[in-house]
């Protein structure tokens, strides 16, 4: 199995704690220049939707910790509803 990598237009699920899981989508990313390896995430919670930047290294740490998995667009939509 290949290691999970962050990709633009991908949907993911992040386990914050045993009873809290958040879905997010990667909106866009920069591979060059001043903001190299920075991605914009849009997160969906039951209360609100928000966007913030993340470095690729933090995403890799989440994967290494087993806290993130890729999900389908249907699963992401279910979080919104």
N, C-alpha and C. Protein backbone atom coordinates (compact mmCIF):
# COMPACT_ATOMS: atom_id res chain seq x y z
N UNK A 1 0.83 -1.18 0.00
CA UNK A 1 0.00 0.00 0.00
C UNK A 1 0.88 1.25 0.00
N UNK A 2 0.60 2.17 -0.90
CA UNK A 2 1.40 3.38 -0.99
C UNK A 2 0.99 4.35 0.12
N UNK A 3 1.96 5.14 0.61
CA UNK A 3 1.62 6.08 1.67
C UNK A 3 0.66 7.17 1.16
N UNK A 4 -0.22 7.61 2.02
CA UNK A 4 -1.20 8.63 1.68
C UNK A 4 -0.51 9.97 1.50
N UNK A 5 -0.81 10.67 0.41
CA UNK A 5 -0.23 11.98 0.13
C UNK A 5 -1.35 13.00 -0.01
N UNK A 6 -1.04 14.22 0.34
CA UNK A 6 -2.01 15.31 0.20
C UNK A 6 -2.12 15.68 -1.27
N UNK A 7 -3.35 15.89 -1.74
CA UNK A 7 -3.53 16.28 -3.14
C UNK A 7 -4.70 17.25 -3.26
N UNK A 8 -4.56 18.18 -4.16
CA UNK A 8 -5.60 19.17 -4.41
C UNK A 8 -6.85 18.45 -4.88
N UNK A 9 -8.00 18.86 -4.38
CA UNK A 9 -9.32 18.30 -4.68
C UNK A 9 -9.54 16.95 -3.99
N UNK A 10 -8.68 16.61 -3.04
CA UNK A 10 -8.87 15.38 -2.27
C UNK A 10 -9.72 15.65 -1.04
N UNK A 11 -10.45 14.63 -0.60
CA UNK A 11 -11.27 14.71 0.60
C UNK A 11 -10.67 13.78 1.64
N UNK A 12 -10.60 14.24 2.88
CA UNK A 12 -9.96 13.48 3.94
C UNK A 12 -10.78 13.57 5.22
N UNK A 13 -10.53 12.62 6.10
CA UNK A 13 -11.15 12.59 7.42
C UNK A 13 -10.02 12.63 8.44
N UNK A 14 -10.10 13.55 9.40
CA UNK A 14 -9.08 13.72 10.42
C UNK A 14 -9.67 13.39 11.79
N UNK A 15 -9.06 12.44 12.48
CA UNK A 15 -9.52 12.06 13.82
C UNK A 15 -8.77 12.93 14.83
N UNK A 16 -9.51 13.85 15.44
CA UNK A 16 -8.94 14.76 16.44
C UNK A 16 -8.80 14.05 17.78
N UNK A 17 -9.83 13.32 18.16
CA UNK A 17 -9.85 12.55 19.40
C UNK A 17 -10.75 11.33 19.15
N UNK A 18 -10.82 10.41 20.09
CA UNK A 18 -11.66 9.21 19.86
C UNK A 18 -13.12 9.53 19.53
N UNK A 19 -13.62 10.65 20.02
CA UNK A 19 -15.03 10.97 19.76
C UNK A 19 -15.22 12.20 18.86
N UNK A 20 -14.15 12.70 18.23
CA UNK A 20 -14.27 13.86 17.34
C UNK A 20 -13.51 13.62 16.04
N UNK A 21 -14.24 13.59 14.94
CA UNK A 21 -13.67 13.42 13.61
C UNK A 21 -14.17 14.55 12.72
N UNK A 22 -13.27 15.12 11.93
CA UNK A 22 -13.61 16.25 11.06
C UNK A 22 -13.25 15.88 9.62
N UNK A 23 -14.12 16.26 8.70
CA UNK A 23 -13.83 16.07 7.28
C UNK A 23 -13.26 17.36 6.71
N UNK A 24 -12.35 17.22 5.75
CA UNK A 24 -11.82 18.40 5.08
C UNK A 24 -11.49 18.10 3.64
N UNK A 25 -11.44 19.16 2.85
CA UNK A 25 -11.08 19.07 1.44
C UNK A 25 -9.87 19.97 1.20
N UNK A 26 -9.02 19.60 0.27
CA UNK A 26 -7.87 20.42 -0.09
C UNK A 26 -8.28 21.27 -1.28
N UNK A 27 -8.35 22.57 -1.08
CA UNK A 27 -8.85 23.48 -2.10
C UNK A 27 -7.78 23.81 -3.15
N UNK A 28 -6.59 24.18 -2.69
CA UNK A 28 -5.49 24.48 -3.62
C UNK A 28 -4.18 24.39 -2.86
N UNK A 29 -3.09 24.35 -3.61
CA UNK A 29 -1.78 24.24 -2.99
C UNK A 29 -0.71 24.92 -3.81
N UNK A 30 0.40 25.22 -3.17
CA UNK A 30 1.53 25.86 -3.82
C UNK A 30 2.72 24.90 -3.78
N UNK A 31 3.33 24.64 -4.90
CA UNK A 31 4.49 23.75 -4.94
C UNK A 31 5.80 24.53 -5.09
N UNK A 32 5.71 25.81 -5.45
CA UNK A 32 6.91 26.62 -5.67
C UNK A 32 6.76 27.97 -4.97
N UNK A 33 7.85 28.71 -4.93
CA UNK A 33 7.82 30.07 -4.43
C UNK A 33 7.82 30.18 -2.91
N UNK A 34 7.41 31.34 -2.45
CA UNK A 34 7.45 31.68 -1.02
C UNK A 34 6.60 30.73 -0.17
N UNK A 35 5.45 30.32 -0.67
CA UNK A 35 4.54 29.45 0.07
C UNK A 35 4.65 27.99 -0.34
N UNK A 36 5.86 27.55 -0.66
CA UNK A 36 6.07 26.18 -1.12
C UNK A 36 5.53 25.15 -0.13
N UNK A 37 4.81 24.17 -0.67
CA UNK A 37 4.25 23.06 0.11
C UNK A 37 3.23 23.52 1.16
N UNK A 38 2.49 24.58 0.84
CA UNK A 38 1.39 25.04 1.69
C UNK A 38 0.09 24.77 0.94
N UNK A 39 -0.89 24.23 1.63
CA UNK A 39 -2.18 23.90 1.04
C UNK A 39 -3.28 24.60 1.82
N UNK A 40 -4.37 24.90 1.14
CA UNK A 40 -5.54 25.50 1.79
C UNK A 40 -6.56 24.40 2.02
N UNK A 41 -6.93 24.21 3.28
CA UNK A 41 -7.92 23.20 3.63
C UNK A 41 -9.25 23.86 3.95
N UNK A 42 -10.33 23.23 3.53
CA UNK A 42 -11.65 23.66 3.94
C UNK A 42 -12.19 22.56 4.83
N UNK A 43 -12.45 22.88 6.09
CA UNK A 43 -12.90 21.89 7.07
C UNK A 43 -14.39 22.04 7.32
N UNK A 44 -15.03 20.91 7.54
CA UNK A 44 -16.47 20.86 7.79
C UNK A 44 -16.73 20.32 9.18
N UNK A 45 -17.39 21.11 10.01
CA UNK A 45 -17.81 20.66 11.34
C UNK A 45 -19.32 20.81 11.43
N UNK A 46 -19.95 20.20 12.41
CA UNK A 46 -21.40 20.35 12.53
C UNK A 46 -21.84 21.81 12.72
N UNK A 47 -20.98 22.65 13.29
CA UNK A 47 -21.34 24.04 13.56
C UNK A 47 -21.00 25.01 12.42
N UNK A 48 -19.89 24.76 11.71
CA UNK A 48 -19.48 25.72 10.68
C UNK A 48 -18.48 25.10 9.70
N UNK A 49 -18.20 25.88 8.67
CA UNK A 49 -17.21 25.53 7.66
C UNK A 49 -16.14 26.62 7.69
N UNK A 50 -14.87 26.24 7.68
CA UNK A 50 -13.82 27.25 7.69
C UNK A 50 -12.63 26.79 6.87
N UNK A 51 -11.79 27.74 6.48
CA UNK A 51 -10.63 27.47 5.64
C UNK A 51 -9.37 27.96 6.35
N UNK A 52 -8.29 27.18 6.21
CA UNK A 52 -7.02 27.62 6.77
C UNK A 52 -5.86 26.91 6.06
N UNK A 53 -4.66 27.50 6.12
CA UNK A 53 -3.50 26.90 5.46
C UNK A 53 -2.86 25.80 6.31
N UNK A 54 -2.21 24.88 5.63
CA UNK A 54 -1.48 23.79 6.31
C UNK A 54 -0.22 23.48 5.50
N UNK A 55 0.86 23.19 6.19
CA UNK A 55 2.09 22.76 5.54
C UNK A 55 2.03 21.27 5.27
N UNK A 56 2.62 20.86 4.18
CA UNK A 56 2.62 19.45 3.80
C UNK A 56 3.22 18.58 4.92
N UNK A 57 4.21 19.09 5.63
CA UNK A 57 4.85 18.33 6.69
C UNK A 57 3.87 17.97 7.81
N UNK A 58 2.95 18.88 8.16
CA UNK A 58 1.95 18.58 9.19
C UNK A 58 1.00 17.49 8.71
N UNK A 59 0.61 17.54 7.44
CA UNK A 59 -0.25 16.49 6.89
C UNK A 59 0.46 15.14 6.98
N UNK A 60 1.75 15.11 6.64
CA UNK A 60 2.52 13.86 6.73
C UNK A 60 2.56 13.35 8.16
N UNK A 61 2.66 14.25 9.13
CA UNK A 61 2.66 13.85 10.53
C UNK A 61 1.33 13.22 10.91
N UNK A 62 0.22 13.81 10.44
CA UNK A 62 -1.10 13.23 10.71
C UNK A 62 -1.20 11.82 10.13
N UNK A 63 -0.68 11.63 8.91
CA UNK A 63 -0.71 10.31 8.27
C UNK A 63 0.13 9.33 9.08
N UNK A 64 1.33 9.75 9.47
CA UNK A 64 2.21 8.87 10.25
C UNK A 64 1.57 8.48 11.59
N UNK A 65 0.79 9.39 12.17
CA UNK A 65 0.11 9.12 13.44
C UNK A 65 -1.16 8.29 13.25
N UNK A 66 -1.55 8.04 12.00
CA UNK A 66 -2.75 7.26 11.71
C UNK A 66 -4.03 8.02 11.97
N UNK A 67 -3.97 9.35 11.89
CA UNK A 67 -5.14 10.17 12.21
C UNK A 67 -5.92 10.63 10.99
N UNK A 68 -5.44 10.35 9.78
CA UNK A 68 -6.12 10.85 8.59
C UNK A 68 -6.31 9.70 7.60
N UNK A 69 -7.44 9.76 6.89
CA UNK A 69 -7.68 8.80 5.81
C UNK A 69 -8.41 9.52 4.69
N UNK A 70 -8.21 9.06 3.49
CA UNK A 70 -8.89 9.65 2.34
C UNK A 70 -10.32 9.12 2.29
N UNK A 71 -11.27 10.02 1.97
CA UNK A 71 -12.67 9.64 1.89
C UNK A 71 -13.23 10.06 0.52
N UNK A 72 -14.40 9.57 0.19
CA UNK A 72 -15.03 9.92 -1.08
C UNK A 72 -15.80 11.23 -0.92
N UNK A 73 -16.19 11.79 -2.05
CA UNK A 73 -16.98 13.02 -2.02
C UNK A 73 -18.33 12.78 -1.35
N UNK A 74 -18.89 11.59 -1.51
CA UNK A 74 -20.17 11.26 -0.85
C UNK A 74 -20.03 11.26 0.67
N UNK A 75 -18.92 10.74 1.17
CA UNK A 75 -18.69 10.73 2.61
C UNK A 75 -18.51 12.16 3.12
N UNK A 76 -17.79 12.99 2.37
CA UNK A 76 -17.60 14.40 2.76
C UNK A 76 -18.94 15.12 2.78
N UNK A 77 -19.80 14.84 1.81
CA UNK A 77 -21.11 15.45 1.74
C UNK A 77 -21.95 15.07 2.96
N UNK A 78 -21.81 13.84 3.43
CA UNK A 78 -22.54 13.39 4.60
C UNK A 78 -22.16 14.19 5.85
N UNK A 79 -20.90 14.63 5.95
CA UNK A 79 -20.49 15.46 7.07
C UNK A 79 -21.22 16.79 7.06
N UNK A 80 -21.42 17.34 5.87
CA UNK A 80 -22.07 18.64 5.74
C UNK A 80 -23.53 18.56 6.15
N UNK A 81 -24.18 17.47 5.76
CA UNK A 81 -25.60 17.31 6.09
C UNK A 81 -25.77 17.02 7.55
